Amino acid sequence: TGELSDGTEVIVLPSVLVEGSVRRGN
């Protein structure tokens, strides 16, 4: 997410996420 002031990027908020799950029976 880049936050813009009058069309100019003034703040950058990056994120990276990895998730997973395994189900066996219940």
PDB file of all heavy atoms in Angstrom:
ATOM      1  N   THR A   1       0.850  -1.184   0.000  1.00  0.00           N
ATOM      2  CA  THR A   1       0.000   0.000   0.000  1.00  0.00           C
ATOM      3  C   THR A   1       0.885   1.234   0.000  1.00  0.00           C
ATOM      4  O   THR A   1       1.737   1.397   0.885  1.00  0.00           O
ATOM      5  CB  THR A   1      -0.933   0.031   1.216  1.00  0.00           C
ATOM      6  OG1 THR A   1      -1.884  -1.045   1.112  1.00  0.00           O
ATOM      7  CG2 THR A   1      -1.693   1.352   1.300  1.00  0.00           C
ATOM      8  N   GLY A   2       0.702   2.086  -0.990  1.00  0.00           N
ATOM      9  CA  GLY A   2       1.374   3.370  -1.028  1.00  0.00           C
ATOM     10  C   GLY A   2       0.376   4.463  -0.700  1.00  0.00           C
ATOM     11  O   GLY A   2      -0.691   4.539  -1.319  1.00  0.00           O
ATOM     12  N   GLU A   3       0.678   5.303   0.294  1.00  0.00           N
ATOM     13  CA  GLU A   3      -0.209   6.400   0.663  1.00  0.00           C
ATOM     14  C   GLU A   3       0.200   7.645  -0.125  1.00  0.00           C
ATOM     15  O   GLU A   3       1.386   7.992  -0.180  1.00  0.00           O
ATOM     16  CB  GLU A   3      -0.181   6.633   2.162  1.00  0.00           C
ATOM     17  CG  GLU A   3      -0.653   5.409   2.945  1.00  0.00           C
ATOM     18  CD  GLU A   3      -1.069   5.722   4.370  1.00  0.00           C
ATOM     19  OE1 GLU A   3      -0.614   6.757   4.910  1.00  0.00           O
ATOM     20  OE2 GLU A   3      -1.846   4.942   4.940  1.00  0.00           O
ATOM     21  N   LEU A   4      -0.801   8.301  -0.720  1.00  0.00           N
ATOM     22  CA  LEU A   4      -0.560   9.360  -1.684  1.00  0.00           C
ATOM     23  C   LEU A   4      -1.032  10.710  -1.165  1.00  0.00           C
ATOM     24  O   LEU A   4      -2.135  10.820  -0.596  1.00  0.00           O
ATOM     25  CB  LEU A   4      -1.297   9.059  -2.995  1.00  0.00           C
ATOM     26  CG  LEU A   4      -1.117   7.667  -3.604  1.00  0.00           C
ATOM     27  CD1 LEU A   4      -1.996   7.529  -4.838  1.00  0.00           C
ATOM     28  CD2 LEU A   4       0.344   7.415  -3.944  1.00  0.00           C
ATOM     29  N   SER A   5      -0.222  11.726  -1.385  1.00  0.00           N
ATOM     30  CA  SER A   5      -0.595  13.107  -1.128  1.00  0.00           C
ATOM     31  C   SER A   5      -0.525  13.857  -2.445  1.00  0.00           C
ATOM     32  O   SER A   5       0.561  14.002  -3.022  1.00  0.00           O
ATOM     33  CB  SER A   5       0.347  13.744  -0.095  1.00  0.00           C
ATOM     34  OG  SER A   5       0.017  15.106   0.110  1.00  0.00           O
ATOM     35  N   ASP A   6      -1.697  14.283  -2.952  1.00  0.00           N
ATOM     36  CA  ASP A   6      -1.767  14.944  -4.261  1.00  0.00           C
ATOM     37  C   ASP A   6      -1.102  14.114  -5.352  1.00  0.00           C
ATOM     38  O   ASP A   6      -0.390  14.629  -6.213  1.00  0.00           O
ATOM     39  CB  ASP A   6      -1.134  16.331  -4.189  1.00  0.00           C
ATOM     40  CG  ASP A   6      -1.880  17.270  -3.260  1.00  0.00           C
ATOM     41  OD1 ASP A   6      -3.119  17.167  -3.202  1.00  0.00           O
ATOM     42  OD2 ASP A   6      -1.227  18.089  -2.592  1.00  0.00           O
ATOM     43  N   GLY A   7      -1.306  12.795  -5.277  1.00  0.00           N
ATOM     44  CA  GLY A   7      -0.782  11.889  -6.286  1.00  0.00           C
ATOM     45  C   GLY A   7       0.650  11.457  -6.082  1.00  0.00           C
ATOM     46  O   GLY A   7       1.143  10.605  -6.832  1.00  0.00           O
ATOM     47  N   THR A   8       1.334  12.003  -5.070  1.00  0.00           N
ATOM     48  CA  THR A   8       2.724  11.654  -4.795  1.00  0.00           C
ATOM     49  C   THR A   8       2.794  10.674  -3.641  1.00  0.00           C
ATOM     50  O   THR A   8       2.200  10.899  -2.582  1.00  0.00           O
ATOM     51  CB  THR A   8       3.556  12.901  -4.458  1.00  0.00           C
ATOM     52  OG1 THR A   8       3.498  13.805  -5.559  1.00  0.00           O
ATOM     53  CG2 THR A   8       5.005  12.534  -4.176  1.00  0.00           C
ATOM     54  N   GLU A   9       3.514   9.580  -3.826  1.00  0.00           N
ATOM     55  CA  GLU A   9       3.633   8.554  -2.789  1.00  0.00           C
ATOM     56  C   GLU A   9       4.536   9.049  -1.666  1.00  0.00           C
ATOM     57  O   GLU A   9       5.706   9.354  -1.887  1.00  0.00           O
ATOM     58  CB  GLU A   9       4.192   7.275  -3.405  1.00  0.00           C
ATOM     59  CG  GLU A   9       4.039   6.049  -2.546  1.00  0.00           C
ATOM     60  CD  GLU A   9       4.381   4.791  -3.312  1.00  0.00           C
ATOM     61  OE1 GLU A   9       5.578   4.540  -3.522  1.00  0.00           O
ATOM     62  OE2 GLU A   9       3.446   4.061  -3.695  1.00  0.00           O
ATOM     63  N   VAL A  10       3.979   9.119  -0.452  1.00  0.00           N
ATOM     64  CA  VAL A  10       4.731   9.632   0.691  1.00  0.00           C
ATOM     65  C   VAL A  10       5.016   8.562   1.737  1.00  0.00           C
ATOM     66  O   VAL A  10       5.908   8.725   2.575  1.00  0.00           O
ATOM     67  CB  VAL A  10       3.991  10.817   1.342  1.00  0.00           C
ATOM     68  CG1 VAL A  10       3.944  12.002   0.384  1.00  0.00           C
ATOM     69  CG2 VAL A  10       2.581  10.430   1.781  1.00  0.00           C
ATOM     70  N   ILE A  11       4.259   7.469   1.726  1.00  0.00           N
ATOM     71  CA  ILE A  11       4.442   6.377   2.688  1.00  0.00           C
ATOM     72  C   ILE A  11       4.265   5.063   1.938  1.00  0.00           C
ATOM     73  O   ILE A  11       3.359   4.941   1.102  1.00  0.00           O
ATOM     74  CB  ILE A  11       3.429   6.454   3.849  1.00  0.00           C
ATOM     75  CG1 ILE A  11       3.626   7.738   4.665  1.00  0.00           C
ATOM     76  CG2 ILE A  11       3.550   5.236   4.765  1.00  0.00           C
ATOM     77  CD1 ILE A  11       2.543   7.958   5.704  1.00  0.00           C
ATOM     78  N   VAL A  12       5.110   4.079   2.218  1.00  0.00           N
ATOM     79  CA  VAL A  12       4.999   2.750   1.615  1.00  0.00           C
ATOM     80  C   VAL A  12       4.867   1.725   2.728  1.00  0.00           C
ATOM     81  O   VAL A  12       5.690   1.688   3.659  1.00  0.00           O
ATOM     82  CB  VAL A  12       6.217   2.423   0.735  1.00  0.00           C
ATOM     83  CG1 VAL A  12       6.099   1.000   0.198  1.00  0.00           C
ATOM     84  CG2 VAL A  12       6.336   3.419  -0.410  1.00  0.00           C
ATOM     85  N   LEU A  13       3.835   0.887   2.638  1.00  0.00           N
ATOM     86  CA  LEU A  13       3.564  -0.151   3.631  1.00  0.00           C
ATOM     87  C   LEU A  13       3.545  -1.508   2.923  1.00  0.00           C
ATOM     88  O   LEU A  13       2.537  -1.885   2.320  1.00  0.00           O
ATOM     89  CB  LEU A  13       2.220   0.101   4.321  1.00  0.00           C
ATOM     90  CG  LEU A  13       2.043   1.468   4.982  1.00  0.00           C
ATOM     91  CD1 LEU A  13       0.612   1.652   5.464  1.00  0.00           C
ATOM     92  CD2 LEU A  13       3.023   1.635   6.146  1.00  0.00           C
ATOM     93  N   PRO A  14       4.641  -2.261   2.986  1.00  0.00           N
ATOM     94  CA  PRO A  14       4.688  -3.573   2.328  1.00  0.00           C
ATOM     95  C   PRO A  14       4.380  -4.710   3.311  1.00  0.00           C
ATOM     96  O   PRO A  14       4.509  -4.554   4.534  1.00  0.00           O
ATOM     97  CB  PRO A  14       6.133  -3.658   1.845  1.00  0.00           C
ATOM     98  CG  PRO A  14       6.899  -2.897   2.884  1.00  0.00           C
ATOM     99  CD  PRO A  14       5.976  -1.814   3.413  1.00  0.00           C
ATOM    100  N   SER A  15       3.987  -5.842   2.775  1.00  0.00           N
ATOM    101  CA  SER A  15       3.720  -7.019   3.602  1.00  0.00           C
ATOM    102  C   SER A  15       3.974  -8.283   2.796  1.00  0.00           C
ATOM    103  O   SER A  15       3.641  -8.353   1.609  1.00  0.00           O
ATOM    104  CB  SER A  15       2.265  -7.013   4.092  1.00  0.00           C
ATOM    105  OG  SER A  15       1.963  -8.197   4.805  1.00  0.00           O
ATOM    106  N   VAL A  16       4.544  -9.281   3.448  1.00  0.00           N
ATOM    107  CA  VAL A  16       4.713 -10.618   2.878  1.00  0.00           C
ATOM    108  C   VAL A  16       4.176 -11.610   3.901  1.00  0.00           C
ATOM    109  O   VAL A  16       4.487 -11.507   5.102  1.00  0.00           O
ATOM    110  CB  VAL A  16       6.181 -10.929   2.556  1.00  0.00           C
ATOM    111  CG1 VAL A  16       6.318 -12.350   2.029  1.00  0.00           C
ATOM    112  CG2 VAL A  16       6.734  -9.935   1.545  1.00  0.00           C
ATOM    113  N   LEU A  17       3.374 -12.565   3.446  1.00  0.00           N
ATOM    114  CA  LEU A  17       2.755 -13.535   4.360  1.00  0.00           C
ATOM    115  C   LEU A  17       2.711 -14.898   3.688  1.00  0.00           C
ATOM    116  O   LEU A  17       2.393 -15.010   2.499  1.00  0.00           O
ATOM    117  CB  LEU A  17       1.346 -13.071   4.729  1.00  0.00           C
ATOM    118  CG  LEU A  17       0.515 -13.955   5.661  1.00  0.00           C
ATOM    119  CD1 LEU A  17      -0.426 -13.094   6.518  1.00  0.00           C
ATOM    120  CD2 LEU A  17      -0.299 -14.996   4.896  1.00  0.00           C
ATOM    121  N   VAL A  18       3.011 -15.936   4.464  1.00  0.00           N
ATOM    122  CA  VAL A  18       2.878 -17.331   4.026  1.00  0.00           C
ATOM    123  C   VAL A  18       2.159 -18.094   5.129  1.00  0.00           C
ATOM    124  O   VAL A  18       2.524 -17.965   6.321  1.00  0.00           O
ATOM    125  CB  VAL A  18       4.240 -17.981   3.734  1.00  0.00           C
ATOM    126  CG1 VAL A  18       4.050 -19.443   3.332  1.00  0.00           C
ATOM    127  CG2 VAL A  18       4.986 -17.225   2.638  1.00  0.00           C
ATOM    128  N   GLU A  19       1.141 -18.856   4.772  1.00  0.00           N
ATOM    129  CA  GLU A  19       0.432 -19.661   5.766  1.00  0.00           C
ATOM    130  C   GLU A  19      -0.014 -20.965   5.136  1.00  0.00           C
ATOM    131  O   GLU A  19      -0.169 -21.072   3.911  1.00  0.00           O
ATOM    132  CB  GLU A  19      -0.771 -18.906   6.328  1.00  0.00           C
ATOM    133  CG  GLU A  19      -1.890 -18.657   5.332  1.00  0.00           C
ATOM    134  CD  GLU A  19      -3.041 -17.854   5.919  1.00  0.00           C
ATOM    135  OE1 GLU A  19      -2.822 -17.085   6.882  1.00  0.00           O
ATOM    136  OE2 GLU A  19      -4.180 -17.991   5.411  1.00  0.00           O
ATOM    137  N   GLY A  20      -0.211 -21.952   5.989  1.00  0.00           N
ATOM    138  CA  GLY A  20      -0.663 -23.244   5.495  1.00  0.00           C
ATOM    139  C   GLY A  20      -1.210 -24.092   6.619  1.00  0.00           C
ATOM    140  O   GLY A  20      -1.012 -23.802   7.804  1.00  0.00           O
ATOM    141  N   SER A  21      -1.925 -25.138   6.252  1.00  0.00           N
ATOM    142  CA  SER A  21      -2.465 -26.069   7.240  1.00  0.00           C
ATOM    143  C   SER A  21      -2.615 -27.449   6.621  1.00  0.00           C
ATOM    144  O   SER A  21      -2.706 -27.597   5.404  1.00  0.00           O
ATOM    145  CB  SER A  21      -3.814 -25.581   7.782  1.00  0.00           C
ATOM    146  OG  SER A  21      -4.809 -25.628   6.777  1.00  0.00           O
ATOM    147  N   VAL A  22      -2.630 -28.443   7.483  1.00  0.00           N
ATOM    148  CA  VAL A  22      -2.819 -29.835   7.083  1.00  0.00           C
ATOM    149  C   VAL A  22      -3.933 -30.411   7.944  1.00  0.00           C
ATOM    150  O   VAL A  22      -3.944 -30.224   9.178  1.00  0.00           O
ATOM    151  CB  VAL A  22      -1.526 -30.653   7.254  1.00  0.00           C
ATOM    152  CG1 VAL A  22      -1.782 -32.116   6.924  1.00  0.00           C
ATOM    153  CG2 VAL A  22      -0.412 -30.092   6.374  1.00  0.00           C
ATOM    154  N   ARG A  23      -4.875 -31.118   7.326  1.00  0.00           N
ATOM    155  CA  ARG A  23      -5.979 -31.749   8.050  1.00  0.00           C
ATOM    156  C   ARG A  23      -5.915 -33.253   7.870  1.00  0.00           C
ATOM    157  O   ARG A  23      -5.753 -33.754   6.754  1.00  0.00           O
ATOM    158  CB  ARG A  23      -7.313 -31.214   7.532  1.00  0.00           C
ATOM    159  CG  ARG A  23      -8.530 -31.820   8.232  1.00  0.00           C
ATOM    160  CD  ARG A  23      -9.809 -31.149   7.767  1.00  0.00           C
ATOM    161  NE  ARG A  23      -9.992 -31.260   6.321  1.00  0.00           N
ATOM    162  CZ  ARG A  23     -10.560 -32.303   5.721  1.00  0.00           C
ATOM    163  NH1 ARG A  23     -10.969 -33.353   6.446  1.00  0.00           N
ATOM    164  NH2 ARG A  23     -10.706 -32.322   4.409  1.00  0.00           N
ATOM    165  N   ARG A  24      -6.008 -33.964   8.981  1.00  0.00           N
ATOM    166  CA  ARG A  24      -6.071 -35.420   8.983  1.00  0.00           C
ATOM    167  C   ARG A  24      -7.215 -35.839   9.902  1.00  0.00           C
ATOM    168  O   ARG A  24      -7.157 -35.611  11.113  1.00  0.00           O
ATOM    169  CB  ARG A  24      -4.755 -36.046   9.464  1.00  0.00           C
ATOM    170  CG  ARG A  24      -3.597 -35.840   8.513  1.00  0.00           C
ATOM    171  CD  ARG A  24      -3.787 -36.619   7.212  1.00  0.00           C
ATOM    172  NE  ARG A  24      -2.669 -36.451   6.283  1.00  0.00           N
ATOM    173  CZ  ARG A  24      -2.630 -35.521   5.339  1.00  0.00           C
ATOM    174  NH1 ARG A  24      -3.641 -34.673   5.187  1.00  0.00           N
ATOM    175  NH2 ARG A  24      -1.579 -35.427   4.533  1.00  0.00           N
ATOM    176  N   GLY A  25      -8.260 -36.401   9.310  1.00  0.00           N
ATOM    177  CA  GLY A  25      -9.425 -36.744  10.105  1.00  0.00           C
ATOM    178  C   GLY A  25     -10.013 -35.480  10.725  1.00  0.00           C
ATOM    179  O   GLY A  25     -10.264 -34.489  10.047  1.00  0.00           O
ATOM    180  N   ASN A  26     -10.233 -35.508  12.039  1.00  0.00           N
ATOM    181  CA  ASN A  26     -10.779 -34.352  12.739  1.00  0.00           C
ATOM    182  C   ASN A  26      -9.704 -33.397  13.249  1.00  0.00           C
ATOM    183  O   ASN A  26     -10.028 -32.375  13.854  1.00  0.00           O
ATOM    184  CB  ASN A  26     -11.641 -34.813  13.921  1.00  0.00           C
ATOM    185  CG  ASN A  26     -12.929 -35.482  13.450  1.00  0.00           C
ATOM    186  OD1 ASN A  26     -13.437 -35.188  12.373  1.00  0.00           O
ATOM    187  ND2 ASN A  26     -13.454 -36.388  14.260  1.00  0.00           N
TER     188      ASN A  26
END
